[in-house]
Amino acid sequence: QQIVMEIETDKAVFELPCPQAGRITAIHVKPGTQVSVGTPLMTLEAV
């Protein structure tokens, strides 16, 4: 539930929490990128 990024839609800007704890091994998006629901944002490994 830690906030990992901000997401902006036509209606609002909000903080996006990740539901899983872990070590971030990859971030698949960059600021300014438009993404669809279901697009991978990041990959985590359990610690």
All heavy atoms as atom14 arrays in JSON, in Angstrom:
{
  "sequence": "QQIVMEIETDKAVFELPCPQAGRITAIHVKPGTQVSVGTPLMTLEAV",
  "atom14_mask": [
    [1, 1, 1, 1, 1, 1, 1, 1, 1, 0, 0, 0, 0, 0],
    [1, 1, 1, 1, 1, 1, 1, 1, 1, 0, 0, 0, 0, 0],
    [1, 1, 1, 1, 1, 1, 1, 1, 0, 0, 0, 0, 0, 0],
    [1, 1, 1, 1, 1, 1, 1, 0, 0, 0, 0, 0, 0, 0],
    [1, 1, 1, 1, 1, 1, 1, 1, 0, 0, 0, 0, 0, 0],
    [1, 1, 1, 1, 1, 1, 1, 1, 1, 0, 0, 0, 0, 0],
    [1, 1, 1, 1, 1, 1, 1, 1, 0, 0, 0, 0, 0, 0],
    [1, 1, 1, 1, 1, 1, 1, 1, 1, 0, 0, 0, 0, 0],
    [1, 1, 1, 1, 1, 1, 1, 0, 0, 0, 0, 0, 0, 0],
    [1, 1, 1, 1, 1, 1, 1, 1, 0, 0, 0, 0, 0, 0],
    [1, 1, 1, 1, 1, 1, 1, 1, 1, 0, 0, 0, 0, 0],
    [1, 1, 1, 1, 1, 0, 0, 0, 0, 0, 0, 0, 0, 0],
    [1, 1, 1, 1, 1, 1, 1, 0, 0, 0, 0, 0, 0, 0],
    [1, 1, 1, 1, 1, 1, 1, 1, 1, 1, 1, 0, 0, 0],
    [1, 1, 1, 1, 1, 1, 1, 1, 1, 0, 0, 0, 0, 0],
    [1, 1, 1, 1, 1, 1, 1, 1, 0, 0, 0, 0, 0, 0],
    [1, 1, 1, 1, 1, 1, 1, 0, 0, 0, 0, 0, 0, 0],
    [1, 1, 1, 1, 1, 1, 0, 0, 0, 0, 0, 0, 0, 0],
    [1, 1, 1, 1, 1, 1, 1, 0, 0, 0, 0, 0, 0, 0],
    [1, 1, 1, 1, 1, 1, 1, 1, 1, 0, 0, 0, 0, 0],
    [1, 1, 1, 1, 1, 0, 0, 0, 0, 0, 0, 0, 0, 0],
    [1, 1, 1, 1, 0, 0, 0, 0, 0, 0, 0, 0, 0, 0],
    [1, 1, 1, 1, 1, 1, 1, 1, 1, 1, 1, 0, 0, 0],
    [1, 1, 1, 1, 1, 1, 1, 1, 0, 0, 0, 0, 0, 0],
    [1, 1, 1, 1, 1, 1, 1, 0, 0, 0, 0, 0, 0, 0],
    [1, 1, 1, 1, 1, 0, 0, 0, 0, 0, 0, 0, 0, 0],
    [1, 1, 1, 1, 1, 1, 1, 1, 0, 0, 0, 0, 0, 0],
    [1, 1, 1, 1, 1, 1, 1, 1, 1, 1, 0, 0, 0, 0],
    [1, 1, 1, 1, 1, 1, 1, 0, 0, 0, 0, 0, 0, 0],
    [1, 1, 1, 1, 1, 1, 1, 1, 1, 0, 0, 0, 0, 0],
    [1, 1, 1, 1, 1, 1, 1, 0, 0, 0, 0, 0, 0, 0],
    [1, 1, 1, 1, 0, 0, 0, 0, 0, 0, 0, 0, 0, 0],
    [1, 1, 1, 1, 1, 1, 1, 0, 0, 0, 0, 0, 0, 0],
    [1, 1, 1, 1, 1, 1, 1, 1, 1, 0, 0, 0, 0, 0],
    [1, 1, 1, 1, 1, 1, 1, 0, 0, 0, 0, 0, 0, 0],
    [1, 1, 1, 1, 1, 1, 0, 0, 0, 0, 0, 0, 0, 0],
    [1, 1, 1, 1, 1, 1, 1, 0, 0, 0, 0, 0, 0, 0],
    [1, 1, 1, 1, 0, 0, 0, 0, 0, 0, 0, 0, 0, 0],
    [1, 1, 1, 1, 1, 1, 1, 0, 0, 0, 0, 0, 0, 0],
    [1, 1, 1, 1, 1, 1, 1, 0, 0, 0, 0, 0, 0, 0],
    [1, 1, 1, 1, 1, 1, 1, 1, 0, 0, 0, 0, 0, 0],
    [1, 1, 1, 1, 1, 1, 1, 1, 0, 0, 0, 0, 0, 0],
    [1, 1, 1, 1, 1, 1, 1, 0, 0, 0, 0, 0, 0, 0],
    [1, 1, 1, 1, 1, 1, 1, 1, 0, 0, 0, 0, 0, 0],
    [1, 1, 1, 1, 1, 1, 1, 1, 1, 0, 0, 0, 0, 0],
    [1, 1, 1, 1, 1, 0, 0, 0, 0, 0, 0, 0, 0, 0],
    [1, 1, 1, 1, 1, 1, 1, 0, 0, 0, 0, 0, 0, 0]
  ],
  "atom14_positions": [
    [[0.8, -1.23, 0.0], [0.0, 0.0, 0.0], [0.84, 1.28, 0.0], [0.3, 2.36, 0.19], [-1.02, 0.01, 1.15], [-2.0, -1.14, 1.1], [-2.72, -1.25, -0.25], [-3.13, -0.26, -0.83], [-2.88, -2.47, -0.74], [0.0, 0.0, 0.0], [0.0, 0.0, 0.0], [0.0, 0.0, 0.0], [0.0, 0.0, 0.0], [0.0, 0.0, 0.0]],
    [[2.14, 1.18, -0.25], [2.98, 2.37, -0.37], [2.7, 3.05, -1.71], [2.52, 2.38, -2.73], [4.45, 1.99, -0.28], [5.38, 3.19, -0.37], [6.83, 2.82, -0.1], [7.11, 1.89, 0.65], [7.74, 3.53, -0.73], [0.0, 0.0, 0.0], [0.0, 0.0, 0.0], [0.0, 0.0, 0.0], [0.0, 0.0, 0.0], [0.0, 0.0, 0.0]],
    [[2.66, 4.38, -1.71], [2.45, 5.15, -2.93], [3.7, 5.0, -3.81], [4.81, 5.28, -3.36], [2.2, 6.64, -2.63], [1.01, 6.82, -1.68], [2.04, 7.43, -3.93], [-0.3, 6.31, -2.18], [0.0, 0.0, 0.0], [0.0, 0.0, 0.0], [0.0, 0.0, 0.0], [0.0, 0.0, 0.0], [0.0, 0.0, 0.0], [0.0, 0.0, 0.0]],
    [[3.5, 4.56, -5.06], [4.64, 4.35, -5.95], [4.69, 5.34, -7.12], [5.74, 5.56, -7.71], [4.69, 2.9, -6.48], [4.97, 1.93, -5.34], [3.42, 2.52, -7.21], [0.0, 0.0, 0.0], [0.0, 0.0, 0.0], [0.0, 0.0, 0.0], [0.0, 0.0, 0.0], [0.0, 0.0, 0.0], [0.0, 0.0, 0.0], [0.0, 0.0, 0.0]],
    [[3.54, 5.93, -7.47], [3.51, 6.9, -8.56], [2.21, 7.69, -8.54], [1.28, 7.34, -7.82], [3.69, 6.21, -9.92], [2.56, 5.3, -10.33], [2.84, 4.46, -11.93], [4.23, 3.43, -11.56], [0.0, 0.0, 0.0], [0.0, 0.0, 0.0], [0.0, 0.0, 0.0], [0.0, 0.0, 0.0], [0.0, 0.0, 0.0], [0.0, 0.0, 0.0]],
    [[2.2, 8.75, -9.33], [0.98, 9.52, -9.53], [0.43, 9.16, -10.91], [1.19, 8.93, -11.85], [1.27, 11.02, -9.47], [1.71, 11.46, -8.1], [2.18, 12.91, -8.06], [2.16, 13.59, -9.1], [2.58, 13.35, -6.98], [0.0, 0.0, 0.0], [0.0, 0.0, 0.0], [0.0, 0.0, 0.0], [0.0, 0.0, 0.0], [0.0, 0.0, 0.0]],
    [[-0.88, 9.1, -10.99], [-1.59, 8.78, -12.23], [-2.56, 9.92, -12.51], [-3.24, 10.41, -11.6], [-2.36, 7.44, -12.09], [-1.4, 6.28, -11.88], [-3.27, 7.19, -13.27], [-0.52, 5.97, -13.07], [0.0, 0.0, 0.0], [0.0, 0.0, 0.0], [0.0, 0.0, 0.0], [0.0, 0.0, 0.0], [0.0, 0.0, 0.0], [0.0, 0.0, 0.0]],
    [[-2.65, 10.32, -13.77], [-3.55, 11.42, -14.15], [-4.53, 10.93, -15.21], [-4.14, 10.34, -16.21], [-2.73, 12.58, -14.7], [-3.56, 13.78, -15.07], [-2.73, 14.96, -15.51], [-1.49, 14.95, -15.35], [-3.33, 15.91, -16.04], [0.0, 0.0, 0.0], [0.0, 0.0, 0.0], [0.0, 0.0, 0.0], [0.0, 0.0, 0.0], [0.0, 0.0, 0.0]],
    [[-5.82, 11.18, -14.95], [-6.86, 10.9, -15.94], [-7.43, 12.24, -16.39], [-7.0, 13.29, -15.93], [-7.98, 10.03, -15.33], [-8.67, 10.79, -14.34], [-7.43, 8.75, -14.72], [0.0, 0.0, 0.0], [0.0, 0.0, 0.0], [0.0, 0.0, 0.0], [0.0, 0.0, 0.0], [0.0, 0.0, 0.0], [0.0, 0.0, 0.0], [0.0, 0.0, 0.0]],
    [[-8.44, 12.21, -17.25], [-9.08, 13.45, -17.69], [-9.74, 14.18, -16.53], [-9.93, 15.38, -16.58], [-10.15, 13.14, -18.75], [-9.54, 12.68, -20.06], [-8.35, 12.97, -20.3], [-10.25, 12.04, -20.85], [0.0, 0.0, 0.0], [0.0, 0.0, 0.0], [0.0, 0.0, 0.0], [0.0, 0.0, 0.0], [0.0, 0.0, 0.0], [0.0, 0.0, 0.0]],
    [[-10.08, 13.43, -15.49], [-10.84, 14.01, -14.38], [-10.05, 14.29, -13.12], [-10.47, 15.1, -12.31], [-12.0, 13.08, -14.03], [-12.96, 12.87, -15.18], [-14.09, 11.94, -14.81], [-15.0, 11.74, -16.0], [-16.17, 10.98, -15.69], [0.0, 0.0, 0.0], [0.0, 0.0, 0.0], [0.0, 0.0, 0.0], [0.0, 0.0, 0.0], [0.0, 0.0, 0.0]],
    [[-8.92, 13.62, -12.91], [-8.23, 13.78, -11.63], [-6.78, 13.3, -11.7], [-6.4, 12.54, -12.58], [-8.96, 12.98, -10.55], [0.0, 0.0, 0.0], [0.0, 0.0, 0.0], [0.0, 0.0, 0.0], [0.0, 0.0, 0.0], [0.0, 0.0, 0.0], [0.0, 0.0, 0.0], [0.0, 0.0, 0.0], [0.0, 0.0, 0.0], [0.0, 0.0, 0.0]],
    [[-6.01, 13.75, -10.73], [-4.66, 13.24, -10.49], [-4.72, 12.54, -9.14], [-5.26, 13.09, -8.18], [-3.63, 14.39, -10.43], [-2.26, 13.85, -10.06], [-3.58, 15.13, -11.75], [0.0, 0.0, 0.0], [0.0, 0.0, 0.0], [0.0, 0.0, 0.0], [0.0, 0.0, 0.0], [0.0, 0.0, 0.0], [0.0, 0.0, 0.0], [0.0, 0.0, 0.0]],
    [[-4.2, 11.32, -9.07], [-4.23, 10.63, -7.78], [-2.97, 9.81, -7.58], [-2.25, 9.51, -8.52], [-5.49, 9.78, -7.62], [-5.65, 8.69, -8.63], [-5.21, 7.41, -8.36], [-6.27, 8.93, -9.85], [-5.36, 6.4, -9.28], [-6.42, 7.92, -10.78], [-5.97, 6.66, -10.5], [0.0, 0.0, 0.0], [0.0, 0.0, 0.0], [0.0, 0.0, 0.0]],
    [[-2.7, 9.5, -6.3], [-1.55, 8.71, -5.92], [-1.92, 7.23, -6.01], [-2.98, 6.82, -5.54], [-1.14, 9.07, -4.5], [-0.7, 10.51, -4.38], [-0.41, 10.92, -2.95], [-1.09, 10.44, -2.02], [0.51, 11.74, -2.77], [0.0, 0.0, 0.0], [0.0, 0.0, 0.0], [0.0, 0.0, 0.0], [0.0, 0.0, 0.0], [0.0, 0.0, 0.0]],
    [[-1.04, 6.45, -6.61], [-1.31, 5.03, -6.83], [-0.48, 4.18, -5.88], [0.75, 4.18, -5.96], [-0.99, 4.67, -8.28], [-1.33, 3.25, -8.72], [-2.83, 3.01, -8.67], [-0.81, 3.0, -10.12], [0.0, 0.0, 0.0], [0.0, 0.0, 0.0], [0.0, 0.0, 0.0], [0.0, 0.0, 0.0], [0.0, 0.0, 0.0], [0.0, 0.0, 0.0]],
    [[-1.14, 3.45, -4.96], [-0.4, 2.55, -4.07], [-0.23, 1.17, -4.72], [-1.06, 0.74, -5.5], [-1.31, 2.46, -2.84], [-2.69, 2.64, -3.4], [-2.54, 3.58, -4.59], [0.0, 0.0, 0.0], [0.0, 0.0, 0.0], [0.0, 0.0, 0.0], [0.0, 0.0, 0.0], [0.0, 0.0, 0.0], [0.0, 0.0, 0.0], [0.0, 0.0, 0.0]],
    [[0.86, 0.52, -4.38], [1.09, -0.85, -4.84], [0.54, -1.79, -3.76], [0.85, -1.63, -2.58], [2.57, -1.09, -5.05], [2.96, -2.75, -5.65], [0.0, 0.0, 0.0], [0.0, 0.0, 0.0], [0.0, 0.0, 0.0], [0.0, 0.0, 0.0], [0.0, 0.0, 0.0], [0.0, 0.0, 0.0], [0.0, 0.0, 0.0], [0.0, 0.0, 0.0]],
    [[-0.27, -2.78, -4.14], [-0.85, -3.68, -3.14], [0.13, -4.68, -2.54], [-0.18, -5.32, -1.54], [-1.94, -4.41, -3.93], [-1.44, -4.4, -5.33], [-0.7, -3.1, -5.49], [0.0, 0.0, 0.0], [0.0, 0.0, 0.0], [0.0, 0.0, 0.0], [0.0, 0.0, 0.0], [0.0, 0.0, 0.0], [0.0, 0.0, 0.0], [0.0, 0.0, 0.0]],
    [[1.31, -4.8, -3.11], [2.27, -5.83, -2.72], [3.55, -5.2, -2.17], [4.02, -4.21, -2.69], [2.6, -6.68, -3.95], [3.51, -7.83, -3.71], [2.8, -9.02, -3.13], [1.6, -9.18, -3.33], [3.5, -9.85, -2.42], [0.0, 0.0, 0.0], [0.0, 0.0, 0.0], [0.0, 0.0, 0.0], [0.0, 0.0, 0.0], [0.0, 0.0, 0.0]],
    [[4.12, -5.81, -1.16], [5.43, -5.4, -0.65], [6.51, -6.12, -1.45], [6.27, -7.2, -1.99], [5.55, -5.74, 0.83], [0.0, 0.0, 0.0], [0.0, 0.0, 0.0], [0.0, 0.0, 0.0], [0.0, 0.0, 0.0], [0.0, 0.0, 0.0], [0.0, 0.0, 0.0], [0.0, 0.0, 0.0], [0.0, 0.0, 0.0], [0.0, 0.0, 0.0]],
    [[7.71, -5.55, -1.5], [8.82, -6.23, -2.15], [9.88, -5.27, -2.64], [9.8, -4.06, -2.43], [0.0, 0.0, 0.0], [0.0, 0.0, 0.0], [0.0, 0.0, 0.0], [0.0, 0.0, 0.0], [0.0, 0.0, 0.0], [0.0, 0.0, 0.0], [0.0, 0.0, 0.0], [0.0, 0.0, 0.0], [0.0, 0.0, 0.0], [0.0, 0.0, 0.0]],
    [[10.88, -5.81, -3.33], [11.96, -5.02, -3.93], [11.61, -4.81, -5.4], [11.3, -5.76, -6.11], [13.29, -5.74, -3.82], [14.45, -4.94, -4.43], [15.79, -5.65, -4.32], [16.02, -6.26, -3.03], [16.47, -5.63, -1.94], [16.71, -4.35, -1.99], [16.65, -6.29, -0.81], [0.0, 0.0, 0.0], [0.0, 0.0, 0.0], [0.0, 0.0, 0.0]],
    [[11.67, -3.56, -5.84], [11.35, -3.25, -7.23], [12.53, -3.68, -8.1], [13.66, -3.24, -7.91], [11.07, -1.74, -7.4], [9.86, -1.36, -6.55], [10.85, -1.4, -8.87], [9.59, 0.11, -6.46], [0.0, 0.0, 0.0], [0.0, 0.0, 0.0], [0.0, 0.0, 0.0], [0.0, 0.0, 0.0], [0.0, 0.0, 0.0], [0.0, 0.0, 0.0]],
    [[12.24, -4.57, -9.05], [13.29, -5.07, -9.94], [13.2, -4.44, -11.33], [14.19, -4.49, -12.07], [13.22, -6.6, -10.07], [11.92, -6.97, -10.55], [13.49, -7.28, -8.73], [0.0, 0.0, 0.0], [0.0, 0.0, 0.0], [0.0, 0.0, 0.0], [0.0, 0.0, 0.0], [0.0, 0.0, 0.0], [0.0, 0.0, 0.0], [0.0, 0.0, 0.0]],
    [[12.05, -3.87, -11.68], [11.9, -3.21, -12.98], [10.74, -2.23, -12.92], [9.73, -2.51, -12.26], [11.65, -4.24, -14.08], [0.0, 0.0, 0.0], [0.0, 0.0, 0.0], [0.0, 0.0, 0.0], [0.0, 0.0, 0.0], [0.0, 0.0, 0.0], [0.0, 0.0, 0.0], [0.0, 0.0, 0.0], [0.0, 0.0, 0.0], [0.0, 0.0, 0.0]],
    [[10.9, -1.11, -13.59], [9.81, -0.15, -13.79], [9.58, -0.1, -15.29], [10.51, 0.18, -16.05], [10.14, 1.23, -13.21], [10.33, 1.11, -11.69], [9.03, 2.24, -13.55], [10.76, 2.4, -11.0], [0.0, 0.0, 0.0], [0.0, 0.0, 0.0], [0.0, 0.0, 0.0], [0.0, 0.0, 0.0], [0.0, 0.0, 0.0], [0.0, 0.0, 0.0]],
    [[8.36, -0.38, -15.73], [8.06, -0.54, -17.15], [7.5, 0.72, -17.81], [7.22, 0.69, -19.01], [7.07, -1.69, -17.34], [7.52, -2.97, -16.69], [8.62, -3.68, -17.11], [7.02, -3.65, -15.63], [8.77, -4.76, -16.34], [7.82, -4.75, -15.44], [0.0, 0.0, 0.0], [0.0, 0.0, 0.0], [0.0, 0.0, 0.0], [0.0, 0.0, 0.0]],
    [[7.31, 1.79, -17.05], [6.72, 3.02, -17.6], [7.58, 4.22, -17.22], [8.38, 4.15, -16.29], [5.27, 3.22, -17.09], [4.35, 2.12, -17.6], [5.23, 3.31, -15.57], [0.0, 0.0, 0.0], [0.0, 0.0, 0.0], [0.0, 0.0, 0.0], [0.0, 0.0, 0.0], [0.0, 0.0, 0.0], [0.0, 0.0, 0.0], [0.0, 0.0, 0.0]],
    [[7.39, 5.31, -17.96], [8.09, 6.56, -17.68], [7.06, 7.66, -17.49], [5.96, 7.58, -18.04], [9.02, 6.92, -18.84], [10.14, 5.95, -19.04], [11.0, 6.38, -20.21], [12.13, 5.37, -20.38], [12.95, 5.67, -21.53], [0.0, 0.0, 0.0], [0.0, 0.0, 0.0], [0.0, 0.0, 0.0], [0.0, 0.0, 0.0], [0.0, 0.0, 0.0]],
    [[7.4, 8.71, -16.74], [6.49, 9.83, -16.61], [6.1, 10.36, -17.99], [6.93, 10.45, -18.89], [7.29, 10.86, -15.81], [8.25, 10.03, -15.01], [8.61, 8.89, -15.93], [0.0, 0.0, 0.0], [0.0, 0.0, 0.0], [0.0, 0.0, 0.0], [0.0, 0.0, 0.0], [0.0, 0.0, 0.0], [0.0, 0.0, 0.0], [0.0, 0.0, 0.0]],
    [[4.82, 10.68, -18.14], [4.31, 11.19, -19.41], [3.75, 10.11, -20.32], [3.1, 10.41, -21.31], [0.0, 0.0, 0.0], [0.0, 0.0, 0.0], [0.0, 0.0, 0.0], [0.0, 0.0, 0.0], [0.0, 0.0, 0.0], [0.0, 0.0, 0.0], [0.0, 0.0, 0.0], [0.0, 0.0, 0.0], [0.0, 0.0, 0.0], [0.0, 0.0, 0.0]],
    [[4.0, 8.85, -19.99], [3.51, 7.75, -20.79], [2.02, 7.53, -20.54], [1.57, 7.55, -19.4], [4.25, 6.44, -20.43], [5.64, 6.64, -20.55], [3.81, 5.28, -21.29], [0.0, 0.0, 0.0], [0.0, 0.0, 0.0], [0.0, 0.0, 0.0], [0.0, 0.0, 0.0], [0.0, 0.0, 0.0], [0.0, 0.0, 0.0], [0.0, 0.0, 0.0]],
    [[1.25, 7.32, -21.61], [-0.16, 6.97, -21.43], [-0.27, 5.45, -21.42], [0.31, 4.77, -22.27], [-1.02, 7.53, -22.57], [-2.5, 7.28, -22.33], [-3.38, 7.92, -23.38], [-3.42, 7.45, -24.5], [-4.05, 8.99, -23.0], [0.0, 0.0, 0.0], [0.0, 0.0, 0.0], [0.0, 0.0, 0.0], [0.0, 0.0, 0.0], [0.0, 0.0, 0.0]],
    [[-0.97, 4.92, -20.4], [-1.1, 3.48, -20.25], [-2.58, 3.1, -20.12], [-3.39, 3.89, -19.67], [-0.31, 2.97, -19.01], [1.18, 3.12, -19.23], [-0.73, 3.69, -17.75], [0.0, 0.0, 0.0], [0.0, 0.0, 0.0], [0.0, 0.0, 0.0], [0.0, 0.0, 0.0], [0.0, 0.0, 0.0], [0.0, 0.0, 0.0], [0.0, 0.0, 0.0]],
    [[-2.87, 1.89, -20.52], [-4.23, 1.35, -20.41], [-4.35, 0.51, -19.15], [-3.35, -0.02, -18.65], [-4.55, 0.47, -21.62], [-4.48, 1.22, -22.8], [0.0, 0.0, 0.0], [0.0, 0.0, 0.0], [0.0, 0.0, 0.0], [0.0, 0.0, 0.0], [0.0, 0.0, 0.0], [0.0, 0.0, 0.0], [0.0, 0.0, 0.0], [0.0, 0.0, 0.0]],
    [[-5.56, 0.34, -18.67], [-5.82, -0.54, -17.54], [-5.27, -1.92, -17.9], [-5.47, -2.41, -19.0], [-7.33, -0.61, -17.22], [-7.63, -1.69, -16.2], [-7.82, 0.75, -16.73], [0.0, 0.0, 0.0], [0.0, 0.0, 0.0], [0.0, 0.0, 0.0], [0.0, 0.0, 0.0], [0.0, 0.0, 0.0], [0.0, 0.0, 0.0], [0.0, 0.0, 0.0]],
    [[-4.53, -2.52, -16.97], [-3.92, -3.83, -17.19], [-2.49, -3.78, -17.69], [-1.82, -4.81, -17.76], [0.0, 0.0, 0.0], [0.0, 0.0, 0.0], [0.0, 0.0, 0.0], [0.0, 0.0, 0.0], [0.0, 0.0, 0.0], [0.0, 0.0, 0.0], [0.0, 0.0, 0.0], [0.0, 0.0, 0.0], [0.0, 0.0, 0.0], [0.0, 0.0, 0.0]],
    [[-1.98, -2.59, -18.02], [-0.6, -2.45, -18.46], [0.34, -2.67, -17.28], [0.15, -2.09, -16.21], [-0.36, -1.03, -19.04], [-1.2, -0.84, -20.17], [1.1, -0.84, -19.43], [0.0, 0.0, 0.0], [0.0, 0.0, 0.0], [0.0, 0.0, 0.0], [0.0, 0.0, 0.0], [0.0, 0.0, 0.0], [0.0, 0.0, 0.0], [0.0, 0.0, 0.0]],
    [[1.39, -3.5, -17.44], [2.36, -3.67, -16.36], [3.08, -2.36, -16.06], [3.57, -1.69, -16.96], [3.34, -4.7, -16.92], [2.6, -5.4, -18.01], [1.67, -4.37, -18.58], [0.0, 0.0, 0.0], [0.0, 0.0, 0.0], [0.0, 0.0, 0.0], [0.0, 0.0, 0.0], [0.0, 0.0, 0.0], [0.0, 0.0, 0.0], [0.0, 0.0, 0.0]],
    [[3.11, -1.99, -14.78], [3.78, -0.77, -14.35], [5.15, -1.06, -13.77], [6.1, -0.34, -14.04], [2.92, -0.05, -13.29], [1.51, 0.35, -13.73], [0.74, 0.93, -12.56], [1.57, 1.32, -14.89], [0.0, 0.0, 0.0], [0.0, 0.0, 0.0], [0.0, 0.0, 0.0], [0.0, 0.0, 0.0], [0.0, 0.0, 0.0], [0.0, 0.0, 0.0]],
    [[5.24, -2.12, -12.95], [6.51, -2.49, -12.35], [6.49, -3.94, -11.92], [5.42, -4.55, -11.8], [6.85, -1.59, -11.16], [5.86, -1.58, -10.03], [6.28, -0.42, -8.7], [6.35, 1.12, -9.57], [0.0, 0.0, 0.0], [0.0, 0.0, 0.0], [0.0, 0.0, 0.0], [0.0, 0.0, 0.0], [0.0, 0.0, 0.0], [0.0, 0.0, 0.0]],
    [[7.69, -4.48, -11.7], [7.84, -5.86, -11.24], [8.56, -5.82, -9.9], [9.51, -5.06, -9.72], [8.65, -6.69, -12.25], [7.98, -6.64, -13.51], [8.77, -8.14, -11.8], [0.0, 0.0, 0.0], [0.0, 0.0, 0.0], [0.0, 0.0, 0.0], [0.0, 0.0, 0.0], [0.0, 0.0, 0.0], [0.0, 0.0, 0.0], [0.0, 0.0, 0.0]],
    [[8.07, -6.64, -8.95], [8.66, -6.71, -7.62], [9.02, -8.15, -7.3], [8.39, -9.08, -7.79], [7.66, -6.25, -6.55], [7.22, -4.8, -6.61], [5.94, -4.66, -7.39], [7.02, -4.29, -5.22], [0.0, 0.0, 0.0], [0.0, 0.0, 0.0], [0.0, 0.0, 0.0], [0.0, 0.0, 0.0], [0.0, 0.0, 0.0], [0.0, 0.0, 0.0]],
    [[10.03, -8.31, -6.46], [10.43, -9.61, -5.92], [10.18, -9.58, -4.42], [10.42, -8.54, -3.78], [11.91, -9.89, -6.17], [12.26, -10.2, -7.6], [11.83, -11.58, -8.06], [11.65, -12.48, -7.2], [11.67, -11.77, -9.26], [0.0, 0.0, 0.0], [0.0, 0.0, 0.0], [0.0, 0.0, 0.0], [0.0, 0.0, 0.0], [0.0, 0.0, 0.0]],
    [[9.75, -10.69, -3.88], [9.54, -10.78, -2.43], [10.86, -10.62, -1.71], [11.91, -11.01, -2.22], [8.91, -12.13, -2.08], [0.0, 0.0, 0.0], [0.0, 0.0, 0.0], [0.0, 0.0, 0.0], [0.0, 0.0, 0.0], [0.0, 0.0, 0.0], [0.0, 0.0, 0.0], [0.0, 0.0, 0.0], [0.0, 0.0, 0.0], [0.0, 0.0, 0.0]],
    [[10.82, -10.02, -0.53], [12.02, -9.9, 0.31], [11.67, -10.39, 1.71], [10.51, -10.47, 2.07], [12.53, -8.43, 0.4], [13.06, -7.96, -0.92], [11.48, -7.5, 0.91], [0.0, 0.0, 0.0], [0.0, 0.0, 0.0], [0.0, 0.0, 0.0], [0.0, 0.0, 0.0], [0.0, 0.0, 0.0], [0.0, 0.0, 0.0], [0.0, 0.0, 0.0]]
  ]
}
